[in-house]
Amino acid sequence: ELQAMFLLFEQITDPIANACDCTDFYIQGKTFCLTGEFKYGQRSL
């Protein structure tokens, strides 16, 4: 129960710490939304 609480609190404080593993990331025909600033370049790029 304590471990489940720690996991939940980690997800709350850093919700993308365990973001998806993108080995199955398909772009064609998928909708995407961007947030934040990107190292790659401007959001529009």
ModelCIF file with pLDDT and N, C-alpha, C, O atoms, coordinates in Angstrom:
data_MODEL
#
_entry.id   MODEL 
#
_entity.id                         1 
_entity.type                       polymer 
_entity.pdbx_number_of_molecules   1 
#
_entity_poly.entity_id                      1 
_entity_poly.type                           'polypeptide(L)' 
_entity_poly.nstd_linkage                   no 
_entity_poly.nstd_monomer                   no 
_entity_poly.pdbx_seq_one_letter_code       ELQAMFLLFEQITDPIANACDCTDFYIQGKTFCLTGEFKYGQRSL 
_entity_poly.pdbx_seq_one_letter_code_can   ELQAMFLLFEQITDPIANACDCTDFYIQGKTFCLTGEFKYGQRSL 
_entity_poly.pdbx_strand_id                 A 
#
loop_
_entity_poly_seq.entity_id 
_entity_poly_seq.num 
_entity_poly_seq.mon_id 
_entity_poly_seq.hetero 
1 1  GLU n 
1 2  LEU n 
1 3  GLN n 
1 4  ALA n 
1 5  MET n 
1 6  PHE n 
1 7  LEU n 
1 8  LEU n 
1 9  PHE n 
1 10 GLU n 
1 11 GLN n 
1 12 ILE n 
1 13 THR n 
1 14 ASP n 
1 15 PRO n 
1 16 ILE n 
1 17 ALA n 
1 18 ASN n 
1 19 ALA n 
1 20 CYS n 
1 21 ASP n 
1 22 CYS n 
1 23 THR n 
1 24 ASP n 
1 25 PHE n 
1 26 TYR n 
1 27 ILE n 
1 28 GLN n 
1 29 GLY n 
1 30 LYS n 
1 31 THR n 
1 32 PHE n 
1 33 CYS n 
1 34 LEU n 
1 35 THR n 
1 36 GLY n 
1 37 GLU n 
1 38 PHE n 
1 39 LYS n 
1 40 TYR n 
1 41 GLY n 
1 42 GLN n 
1 43 ARG n 
1 44 SER n 
1 45 LEU n 
#
_struct_asym.id          A 
_struct_asym.entity_id   1 
#
loop_
_ma_qa_metric.id 
_ma_qa_metric.mode 
_ma_qa_metric.name 
_ma_qa_metric.software_group_id 
_ma_qa_metric.type 
1 global pLDDT . pLDDT 
2 local  pLDDT . pLDDT 
#
_ma_qa_metric_global.metric_id      1 
_ma_qa_metric_global.metric_value   80.31 
_ma_qa_metric_global.model_id       1 
_ma_qa_metric_global.ordinal_id     1 
#
loop_
_ma_qa_metric_local.label_asym_id 
_ma_qa_metric_local.label_comp_id 
_ma_qa_metric_local.label_seq_id 
_ma_qa_metric_local.metric_id 
_ma_qa_metric_local.metric_value 
_ma_qa_metric_local.model_id 
_ma_qa_metric_local.ordinal_id 
A GLU 1  2 91.00 1 1  
A LEU 2  2 90.00 1 2  
A GLN 3  2 90.00 1 3  
A ALA 4  2 88.00 1 4  
A MET 5  2 88.00 1 5  
A PHE 6  2 87.00 1 6  
A LEU 7  2 82.00 1 7  
A LEU 8  2 82.00 1 8  
A PHE 9  2 83.00 1 9  
A GLU 10 2 77.00 1 10 
A GLN 11 2 73.00 1 11 
A ILE 12 2 73.00 1 12 
A THR 13 2 72.00 1 13 
A ASP 14 2 69.00 1 14 
A PRO 15 2 66.00 1 15 
A ILE 16 2 67.00 1 16 
A ALA 17 2 64.00 1 17 
A ASN 18 2 60.00 1 18 
A ALA 19 2 61.00 1 19 
A CYS 20 2 61.00 1 20 
A ASP 21 2 58.00 1 21 
A CYS 22 2 59.00 1 22 
A THR 23 2 59.00 1 23 
A ASP 24 2 65.00 1 24 
A PHE 25 2 72.00 1 25 
A TYR 26 2 81.00 1 26 
A ILE 27 2 85.00 1 27 
A GLN 28 2 89.00 1 28 
A GLY 29 2 94.00 1 29 
A LYS 30 2 93.00 1 30 
A THR 31 2 95.00 1 31 
A PHE 32 2 94.00 1 32 
A CYS 33 2 95.00 1 33 
A LEU 34 2 93.00 1 34 
A THR 35 2 90.00 1 35 
A GLY 36 2 85.00 1 36 
A GLU 37 2 86.00 1 37 
A PHE 38 2 87.00 1 38 
A LYS 39 2 86.00 1 39 
A TYR 40 2 85.00 1 40 
A GLY 41 2 84.00 1 41 
A GLN 42 2 88.00 1 42 
A ARG 43 2 87.00 1 43 
A SER 44 2 90.00 1 44 
A LEU 45 2 90.00 1 45 
#
loop_
_atom_site.group_PDB 
_atom_site.id 
_atom_site.type_symbol 
_atom_site.label_atom_id 
_atom_site.label_alt_id 
_atom_site.label_comp_id 
_atom_site.label_asym_id 
_atom_site.label_entity_id 
_atom_site.label_seq_id 
_atom_site.pdbx_PDB_ins_code 
_atom_site.Cartn_x 
_atom_site.Cartn_y 
_atom_site.Cartn_z 
_atom_site.occupancy 
_atom_site.B_iso_or_equiv 
_atom_site.pdbx_formal_charge 
_atom_site.auth_seq_id 
_atom_site.auth_comp_id 
_atom_site.auth_asym_id 
_atom_site.auth_atom_id 
_atom_site.pdbx_PDB_model_num 
ATOM 1   N N  . GLU A 1 1  ? 0.838  -1.208 0.000   1.00 91.00 ? 1  GLU A N  1 
ATOM 2   C CA . GLU A 1 1  ? 0.000  0.000  0.000   1.00 91.00 ? 1  GLU A CA 1 
ATOM 3   C C  . GLU A 1 1  ? 0.869  1.252  0.000   1.00 91.00 ? 1  GLU A C  1 
ATOM 4   O O  . GLU A 1 1  ? 0.561  2.228  -0.685  1.00 91.00 ? 1  GLU A O  1 
ATOM 5   N N  . LEU A 1 2  ? 1.939  1.221  0.760   1.00 90.00 ? 2  LEU A N  1 
ATOM 6   C CA . LEU A 1 2  ? 2.871  2.346  0.805   1.00 90.00 ? 2  LEU A CA 1 
ATOM 7   C C  . LEU A 1 2  ? 3.519  2.560  -0.562  1.00 90.00 ? 2  LEU A C  1 
ATOM 8   O O  . LEU A 1 2  ? 3.655  3.695  -1.018  1.00 90.00 ? 2  LEU A O  1 
ATOM 9   N N  . GLN A 1 3  ? 3.911  1.486  -1.199  1.00 90.00 ? 3  GLN A N  1 
ATOM 10  C CA . GLN A 1 3  ? 4.523  1.589  -2.535  1.00 90.00 ? 3  GLN A CA 1 
ATOM 11  C C  . GLN A 1 3  ? 3.525  2.155  -3.549  1.00 90.00 ? 3  GLN A C  1 
ATOM 12  O O  . GLN A 1 3  ? 3.898  2.952  -4.410  1.00 90.00 ? 3  GLN A O  1 
ATOM 13  N N  . ALA A 1 4  ? 2.274  1.748  -3.448  1.00 88.00 ? 4  ALA A N  1 
ATOM 14  C CA . ALA A 1 4  ? 1.240  2.275  -4.350  1.00 88.00 ? 4  ALA A CA 1 
ATOM 15  C C  . ALA A 1 4  ? 1.061  3.773  -4.134  1.00 88.00 ? 4  ALA A C  1 
ATOM 16  O O  . ALA A 1 4  ? 0.862  4.520  -5.092  1.00 88.00 ? 4  ALA A O  1 
ATOM 17  N N  . MET A 1 5  ? 1.133  4.217  -2.872  1.00 88.00 ? 5  MET A N  1 
ATOM 18  C CA . MET A 1 5  ? 1.041  5.653  -2.584  1.00 88.00 ? 5  MET A CA 1 
ATOM 19  C C  . MET A 1 5  ? 2.231  6.403  -3.162  1.00 88.00 ? 5  MET A C  1 
ATOM 20  O O  . MET A 1 5  ? 2.066  7.457  -3.777  1.00 88.00 ? 5  MET A O  1 
ATOM 21  N N  . PHE A 1 6  ? 3.433  5.862  -2.967  1.00 87.00 ? 6  PHE A N  1 
ATOM 22  C CA . PHE A 1 6  ? 4.630  6.510  -3.517  1.00 87.00 ? 6  PHE A CA 1 
ATOM 23  C C  . PHE A 1 6  ? 4.529  6.645  -5.029  1.00 87.00 ? 6  PHE A C  1 
ATOM 24  O O  . PHE A 1 6  ? 4.873  7.687  -5.587  1.00 87.00 ? 6  PHE A O  1 
ATOM 25  N N  . LEU A 1 7  ? 4.059  5.593  -5.692  1.00 82.00 ? 7  LEU A N  1 
ATOM 26  C CA . LEU A 1 7  ? 3.913  5.624  -7.149  1.00 82.00 ? 7  LEU A CA 1 
ATOM 27  C C  . LEU A 1 7  ? 2.908  6.700  -7.560  1.00 82.00 ? 7  LEU A C  1 
ATOM 28  O O  . LEU A 1 7  ? 3.156  7.458  -8.498  1.00 82.00 ? 7  LEU A O  1 
ATOM 29  N N  . LEU A 1 8  ? 1.790  6.766  -6.870  1.00 82.00 ? 8  LEU A N  1 
ATOM 30  C CA . LEU A 1 8  ? 0.785  7.784  -7.167  1.00 82.00 ? 8  LEU A CA 1 
ATOM 31  C C  . LEU A 1 8  ? 1.350  9.189  -6.971  1.00 82.00 ? 8  LEU A C  1 
ATOM 32  O O  . LEU A 1 8  ? 1.156  10.059 -7.821  1.00 82.00 ? 8  LEU A O  1 
ATOM 33  N N  . PHE A 1 9  ? 2.046  9.415  -5.862  1.00 83.00 ? 9  PHE A N  1 
ATOM 34  C CA . PHE A 1 9  ? 2.598  10.743 -5.593  1.00 83.00 ? 9  PHE A CA 1 
ATOM 35  C C  . PHE A 1 9  ? 3.650  11.116 -6.637  1.00 83.00 ? 9  PHE A C  1 
ATOM 36  O O  . PHE A 1 9  ? 3.757  12.282 -7.017  1.00 83.00 ? 9  PHE A O  1 
ATOM 37  N N  . GLU A 1 10 ? 4.425  10.138 -7.100  1.00 77.00 ? 10 GLU A N  1 
ATOM 38  C CA . GLU A 1 10 ? 5.400  10.398 -8.161  1.00 77.00 ? 10 GLU A CA 1 
ATOM 39  C C  . GLU A 1 10 ? 4.679  10.781 -9.455  1.00 77.00 ? 10 GLU A C  1 
ATOM 40  O O  . GLU A 1 10 ? 5.105  11.699 -10.156 1.00 77.00 ? 10 GLU A O  1 
ATOM 41  N N  . GLN A 1 11 ? 3.595  10.084 -9.768  1.00 73.00 ? 11 GLN A N  1 
ATOM 42  C CA . GLN A 1 11 ? 2.830  10.401 -10.975 1.00 73.00 ? 11 GLN A CA 1 
ATOM 43  C C  . GLN A 1 11 ? 2.220  11.797 -10.893 1.00 73.00 ? 11 GLN A C  1 
ATOM 44  O O  . GLN A 1 11 ? 2.113  12.489 -11.905 1.00 73.00 ? 11 GLN A O  1 
ATOM 45  N N  . ILE A 1 12 ? 1.825  12.207 -9.700  1.00 73.00 ? 12 ILE A N  1 
ATOM 46  C CA . ILE A 1 12 ? 1.226  13.530 -9.530  1.00 73.00 ? 12 ILE A CA 1 
ATOM 47  C C  . ILE A 1 12 ? 2.288  14.620 -9.659  1.00 73.00 ? 12 ILE A C  1 
ATOM 48  O O  . ILE A 1 12 ? 2.067  15.629 -10.329 1.00 73.00 ? 12 ILE A O  1 
ATOM 49  N N  . THR A 1 13 ? 3.433  14.420 -9.022  1.00 72.00 ? 13 THR A N  1 
ATOM 50  C CA . THR A 1 13 ? 4.466  15.450 -9.034  1.00 72.00 ? 13 THR A CA 1 
ATOM 51  C C  . THR A 1 13 ? 5.249  15.488 -10.337 1.00 72.00 ? 13 THR A C  1 
ATOM 52  O O  . THR A 1 13 ? 5.791  16.534 -10.696 1.00 72.00 ? 13 THR A O  1 
ATOM 53  N N  . ASP A 1 14 ? 5.320  14.371 -11.054 1.00 69.00 ? 14 ASP A N  1 
ATOM 54  C CA . ASP A 1 14 ? 6.018  14.330 -12.339 1.00 69.00 ? 14 ASP A CA 1 
ATOM 55  C C  . ASP A 1 14 ? 5.258  13.399 -13.283 1.00 69.00 ? 14 ASP A C  1 
ATOM 56  O O  . ASP A 1 14 ? 5.660  12.256 -13.499 1.00 69.00 ? 14 ASP A O  1 
ATOM 57  N N  . PRO A 1 15 ? 4.153  13.904 -13.845 1.00 66.00 ? 15 PRO A N  1 
ATOM 58  C CA . PRO A 1 15 ? 3.260  13.044 -14.621 1.00 66.00 ? 15 PRO A CA 1 
ATOM 59  C C  . PRO A 1 15 ? 3.854  12.457 -15.896 1.00 66.00 ? 15 PRO A C  1 
ATOM 60  O O  . PRO A 1 15 ? 3.302  11.504 -16.446 1.00 66.00 ? 15 PRO A O  1 
ATOM 61  N N  . ILE A 1 16 ? 4.950  12.997 -16.367 1.00 67.00 ? 16 ILE A N  1 
ATOM 62  C CA . ILE A 1 16 ? 5.526  12.397 -17.569 1.00 67.00 ? 16 ILE A CA 1 
ATOM 63  C C  . ILE A 1 16 ? 6.782  11.596 -17.282 1.00 67.00 ? 16 ILE A C  1 
ATOM 64  O O  . ILE A 1 16 ? 7.461  11.155 -18.210 1.00 67.00 ? 16 ILE A O  1 
ATOM 65  N N  . ALA A 1 17 ? 7.099  11.400 -16.009 1.00 64.00 ? 17 ALA A N  1 
ATOM 66  C CA . ALA A 1 17 ? 8.276  10.615 -15.647 1.00 64.00 ? 17 ALA A CA 1 
ATOM 67  C C  . ALA A 1 17 ? 8.207  9.227  -16.275 1.00 64.00 ? 17 ALA A C  1 
ATOM 68  O O  . ALA A 1 17 ? 9.225  8.680  -16.697 1.00 64.00 ? 17 ALA A O  1 
ATOM 69  N N  . ASN A 1 18 ? 7.029  8.673  -16.333 1.00 60.00 ? 18 ASN A N  1 
ATOM 70  C CA . ASN A 1 18 ? 6.849  7.341  -16.909 1.00 60.00 ? 18 ASN A CA 1 
ATOM 71  C C  . ASN A 1 18 ? 5.968  7.411  -18.150 1.00 60.00 ? 18 ASN A C  1 
ATOM 72  O O  . ASN A 1 18 ? 5.074  6.589  -18.349 1.00 60.00 ? 18 ASN A O  1 
ATOM 73  N N  . ALA A 1 19 ? 6.248  8.424  -18.985 1.00 61.00 ? 19 ALA A N  1 
ATOM 74  C CA . ALA A 1 19 ? 5.475  8.601  -20.222 1.00 61.00 ? 19 ALA A CA 1 
ATOM 75  C C  . ALA A 1 19 ? 5.670  7.390  -21.124 1.00 61.00 ? 19 ALA A C  1 
ATOM 76  O O  . ALA A 1 19 ? 6.506  6.525  -20.863 1.00 61.00 ? 19 ALA A O  1 
ATOM 77  N N  . CYS A 1 20 ? 4.890  7.352  -22.180 1.00 61.00 ? 20 CYS A N  1 
ATOM 78  C CA . CYS A 1 20 ? 4.865  6.149  -23.019 1.00 61.00 ? 20 CYS A CA 1 
ATOM 79  C C  . CYS A 1 20 ? 6.219  5.844  -23.638 1.00 61.00 ? 20 CYS A C  1 
ATOM 80  O O  . CYS A 1 20 ? 7.019  6.741  -23.902 1.00 61.00 ? 20 CYS A O  1 
ATOM 81  N N  . ASP A 1 21 ? 6.455  4.565  -23.861 1.00 58.00 ? 21 ASP A N  1 
ATOM 82  C CA . ASP A 1 21 ? 7.619  4.096  -24.602 1.00 58.00 ? 21 ASP A CA 1 
ATOM 83  C C  . ASP A 1 21 ? 7.224  4.148  -26.063 1.00 58.00 ? 21 ASP A C  1 
ATOM 84  O O  . ASP A 1 21 ? 6.318  3.433  -26.491 1.00 58.00 ? 21 ASP A O  1 
ATOM 85  N N  . CYS A 1 22 ? 7.884  4.972  -26.815 1.00 59.00 ? 22 CYS A N  1 
ATOM 86  C CA . CYS A 1 22 ? 7.426  5.270  -28.168 1.00 59.00 ? 22 CYS A CA 1 
ATOM 87  C C  . CYS A 1 22 ? 7.967  4.345  -29.244 1.00 59.00 ? 22 CYS A C  1 
ATOM 88  O O  . CYS A 1 22 ? 8.151  4.767  -30.386 1.00 59.00 ? 22 CYS A O  1 
ATOM 89  N N  . THR A 1 23 ? 8.221  3.109  -28.903 1.00 59.00 ? 23 THR A N  1 
ATOM 90  C CA . THR A 1 23 ? 8.626  2.166  -29.929 1.00 59.00 ? 23 THR A CA 1 
ATOM 91  C C  . THR A 1 23 ? 7.480  1.926  -30.905 1.00 59.00 ? 23 THR A C  1 
ATOM 92  O O  . THR A 1 23 ? 7.705  1.516  -32.044 1.00 59.00 ? 23 THR A O  1 
ATOM 93  N N  . ASP A 1 24 ? 6.253  2.182  -30.460 1.00 65.00 ? 24 ASP A N  1 
ATOM 94  C CA . ASP A 1 24 ? 5.074  2.031  -31.310 1.00 65.00 ? 24 ASP A CA 1 
ATOM 95  C C  . ASP A 1 24 ? 4.442  3.372  -31.642 1.00 65.00 ? 24 ASP A C  1 
ATOM 96  O O  . ASP A 1 24 ? 3.218  3.480  -31.719 1.00 65.00 ? 24 ASP A O  1 
ATOM 97  N N  . PHE A 1 25 ? 5.256  4.381  -31.837 1.00 72.00 ? 25 PHE A N  1 
ATOM 98  C CA . PHE A 1 25 ? 4.767  5.733  -32.103 1.00 72.00 ? 25 PHE A CA 1 
ATOM 99  C C  . PHE A 1 25 ? 4.462  5.871  -33.587 1.00 72.00 ? 25 PHE A C  1 
ATOM 100 O O  . PHE A 1 25 ? 5.372  5.871  -34.417 1.00 72.00 ? 25 PHE A O  1 
ATOM 101 N N  . TYR A 1 26 ? 3.190  5.988  -33.917 1.00 81.00 ? 26 TYR A N  1 
ATOM 102 C CA . TYR A 1 26 ? 2.761  6.144  -35.305 1.00 81.00 ? 26 TYR A CA 1 
ATOM 103 C C  . TYR A 1 26 ? 2.198  7.542  -35.492 1.00 81.00 ? 26 TYR A C  1 
ATOM 104 O O  . TYR A 1 26 ? 1.359  7.989  -34.710 1.00 81.00 ? 26 TYR A O  1 
ATOM 105 N N  . ILE A 1 27 ? 2.650  8.220  -36.510 1.00 85.00 ? 27 ILE A N  1 
ATOM 106 C CA . ILE A 1 27 ? 2.218  9.590  -36.750 1.00 85.00 ? 27 ILE A CA 1 
ATOM 107 C C  . ILE A 1 27 ? 1.084  9.642  -37.763 1.00 85.00 ? 27 ILE A C  1 
ATOM 108 O O  . ILE A 1 27 ? 0.118  10.384 -37.581 1.00 85.00 ? 27 ILE A O  1 
ATOM 109 N N  . GLN A 1 28 ? 1.196  8.869  -38.816 1.00 89.00 ? 28 GLN A N  1 
ATOM 110 C CA . GLN A 1 28 ? 0.237  8.900  -39.921 1.00 89.00 ? 28 GLN A CA 1 
ATOM 111 C C  . GLN A 1 28 ? -1.197 8.765  -39.420 1.00 89.00 ? 28 GLN A C  1 
ATOM 112 O O  . GLN A 1 28 ? -1.566 7.751  -38.828 1.00 89.00 ? 28 GLN A O  1 
ATOM 113 N N  . GLY A 1 29 ? -2.005 9.807  -39.666 1.00 94.00 ? 29 GLY A N  1 
ATOM 114 C CA . GLY A 1 29 ? -3.418 9.771  -39.318 1.00 94.00 ? 29 GLY A CA 1 
ATOM 115 C C  . GLY A 1 29 ? -3.734 9.979  -37.849 1.00 94.00 ? 29 GLY A C  1 
ATOM 116 O O  . GLY A 1 29 ? -4.899 9.899  -37.462 1.00 94.00 ? 29 GLY A O  1 
ATOM 117 N N  . LYS A 1 30 ? -2.734 10.245 -37.019 1.00 93.00 ? 30 LYS A N  1 
ATOM 118 C CA . LYS A 1 30 ? -2.935 10.428 -35.580 1.00 93.00 ? 30 LYS A CA 1 
ATOM 119 C C  . LYS A 1 30 ? -2.960 11.916 -35.242 1.00 93.00 ? 30 LYS A C  1 
ATOM 120 O O  . LYS A 1 30 ? -2.258 12.723 -35.851 1.00 93.00 ? 30 LYS A O  1 
ATOM 121 N N  . THR A 1 31 ? -3.789 12.257 -34.255 1.00 95.00 ? 31 THR A N  1 
ATOM 122 C CA . THR A 1 31 ? -3.833 13.645 -33.802 1.00 95.00 ? 31 THR A CA 1 
ATOM 123 C C  . THR A 1 31 ? -2.815 13.846 -32.686 1.00 95.00 ? 31 THR A C  1 
ATOM 124 O O  . THR A 1 31 ? -2.603 12.971 -31.846 1.00 95.00 ? 31 THR A O  1 
ATOM 125 N N  . PHE A 1 32 ? -2.200 15.004 -32.701 1.00 94.00 ? 32 PHE A N  1 
ATOM 126 C CA . PHE A 1 32 ? -1.215 15.312 -31.676 1.00 94.00 ? 32 PHE A CA 1 
ATOM 127 C C  . PHE A 1 32 ? -1.354 16.764 -31.237 1.00 94.00 ? 32 PHE A C  1 
ATOM 128 O O  . PHE A 1 32 ? -1.705 17.644 -32.023 1.00 94.00 ? 32 PHE A O  1 
ATOM 129 N N  . CYS A 1 33 ? -1.070 16.984 -29.969 1.00 95.00 ? 33 CYS A N  1 
ATOM 130 C CA . CYS A 1 33 ? -1.094 18.315 -29.379 1.00 95.00 ? 33 CYS A CA 1 
ATOM 131 C C  . CYS A 1 33 ? 0.280  18.524 -28.749 1.00 95.00 ? 33 CYS A C  1 
ATOM 132 O O  . CYS A 1 33 ? 0.856  17.591 -28.190 1.00 95.00 ? 33 CYS A O  1 
ATOM 133 N N  . LEU A 1 34 ? 0.799  19.728 -28.835 1.00 93.00 ? 34 LEU A N  1 
ATOM 134 C CA . LEU A 1 34 ? 2.111  20.036 -28.275 1.00 93.00 ? 34 LEU A CA 1 
ATOM 135 C C  . LEU A 1 34 ? 1.964  20.960 -27.079 1.00 93.00 ? 34 LEU A C  1 
ATOM 136 O O  . LEU A 1 34 ? 1.069  21.805 -27.036 1.00 93.00 ? 34 LEU A O  1 
ATOM 137 N N  . THR A 1 35 ? 2.852  20.790 -26.109 1.00 90.00 ? 35 THR A N  1 
ATOM 138 C CA . THR A 1 35 ? 2.879  21.679 -24.956 1.00 90.00 ? 35 THR A CA 1 
ATOM 139 C C  . THR A 1 35 ? 4.315  21.911 -24.534 1.00 90.00 ? 35 THR A C  1 
ATOM 140 O O  . THR A 1 35 ? 5.157  21.021 -24.658 1.00 90.00 ? 35 THR A O  1 
ATOM 141 N N  . GLY A 1 36 ? 4.596  23.100 -24.037 1.00 85.00 ? 36 GLY A N  1 
ATOM 142 C CA . GLY A 1 36 ? 5.942  23.433 -23.593 1.00 85.00 ? 36 GLY A CA 1 
ATOM 143 C C  . GLY A 1 36 ? 6.824  23.928 -24.717 1.00 85.00 ? 36 GLY A C  1 
ATOM 144 O O  . GLY A 1 36 ? 6.381  24.115 -25.850 1.00 85.00 ? 36 GLY A O  1 
ATOM 145 N N  . GLU A 1 37 ? 8.076  24.135 -24.377 1.00 86.00 ? 37 GLU A N  1 
ATOM 146 C CA . GLU A 1 37 ? 9.080  24.593 -25.344 1.00 86.00 ? 37 GLU A CA 1 
ATOM 147 C C  . GLU A 1 37 ? 9.945  23.398 -25.738 1.00 86.00 ? 37 GLU A C  1 
ATOM 148 O O  . GLU A 1 37 ? 10.226 22.524 -24.918 1.00 86.00 ? 37 GLU A O  1 
ATOM 149 N N  . PHE A 1 38 ? 10.360 23.373 -26.996 1.00 87.00 ? 38 PHE A N  1 
ATOM 150 C CA . PHE A 1 38 ? 11.056 22.219 -27.546 1.00 87.00 ? 38 PHE A CA 1 
ATOM 151 C C  . PHE A 1 38 ? 12.519 22.512 -27.831 1.00 87.00 ? 38 PHE A C  1 
ATOM 152 O O  . PHE A 1 38 ? 12.863 23.552 -28.393 1.00 87.00 ? 38 PHE A O  1 
ATOM 153 N N  . LYS A 1 39 ? 13.374 21.578 -27.434 1.00 86.00 ? 39 LYS A N  1 
ATOM 154 C CA . LYS A 1 39 ? 14.796 21.663 -27.728 1.00 86.00 ? 39 LYS A CA 1 
ATOM 155 C C  . LYS A 1 39 ? 15.015 21.588 -29.239 1.00 86.00 ? 39 LYS A C  1 
ATOM 156 O O  . LYS A 1 39 ? 15.923 22.222 -29.776 1.00 86.00 ? 39 LYS A O  1 
ATOM 157 N N  . TYR A 1 40 ? 14.184 20.814 -29.910 1.00 85.00 ? 40 TYR A N  1 
ATOM 158 C CA . TYR A 1 40 ? 14.287 20.615 -31.353 1.00 85.00 ? 40 TYR A CA 1 
ATOM 159 C C  . TYR A 1 40 ? 14.116 21.924 -32.120 1.00 85.00 ? 40 TYR A C  1 
ATOM 160 O O  . TYR A 1 40 ? 14.716 22.112 -33.178 1.00 85.00 ? 40 TYR A O  1 
ATOM 161 N N  . GLY A 1 41 ? 13.306 22.816 -31.590 1.00 84.00 ? 41 GLY A N  1 
ATOM 162 C CA . GLY A 1 41 ? 13.048 24.095 -32.249 1.00 84.00 ? 41 GLY A CA 1 
ATOM 163 C C  . GLY A 1 41 ? 11.694 24.647 -31.840 1.00 84.00 ? 41 GLY A C  1 
ATOM 164 O O  . GLY A 1 41 ? 11.056 24.151 -30.911 1.00 84.00 ? 41 GLY A O  1 
ATOM 165 N N  . GLN A 1 42 ? 11.277 25.657 -32.532 1.00 88.00 ? 42 GLN A N  1 
ATOM 166 C CA . GLN A 1 42 ? 9.974  26.272 -32.266 1.00 88.00 ? 42 GLN A CA 1 
ATOM 167 C C  . GLN A 1 42 ? 8.865  25.228 -32.363 1.00 88.00 ? 42 GLN A C  1 
ATOM 168 O O  . GLN A 1 42 ? 8.959  24.266 -33.124 1.00 88.00 ? 42 GLN A O  1 
ATOM 169 N N  . ARG A 1 43 ? 7.830  25.437 -31.587 1.00 87.00 ? 43 ARG A N  1 
ATOM 170 C CA . ARG A 1 43 ? 6.685  24.526 -31.588 1.00 87.00 ? 43 ARG A CA 1 
ATOM 171 C C  . ARG A 1 43 ? 6.124  24.377 -33.005 1.00 87.00 ? 43 ARG A C  1 
ATOM 172 O O  . ARG A 1 43 ? 5.738  23.281 -33.411 1.00 87.00 ? 43 ARG A O  1 
ATOM 173 N N  . SER A 1 44 ? 6.080  25.467 -33.742 1.00 90.00 ? 44 SER A N  1 
ATOM 174 C CA . SER A 1 44 ? 5.555  25.426 -35.110 1.00 90.00 ? 44 SER A CA 1 
ATOM 175 C C  . SER A 1 44 ? 6.395  24.515 -36.001 1.00 90.00 ? 44 SER A C  1 
ATOM 176 O O  . SER A 1 44 ? 5.852  23.861 -36.891 1.00 90.00 ? 44 SER A O  1 
ATOM 177 N N  . LEU A 1 45 ? 7.709  24.459 -35.779 1.00 90.00 ? 45 LEU A N  1 
ATOM 178 C CA . LEU A 1 45 ? 8.581  23.574 -36.559 1.00 90.00 ? 45 LEU A CA 1 
ATOM 179 C C  . LEU A 1 45 ? 8.291  22.113 -36.229 1.00 90.00 ? 45 LEU A C  1 
ATOM 180 O O  . LEU A 1 45 ? 8.925  21.217 -36.787 1.00 90.00 ? 45 LEU A O  1 
#
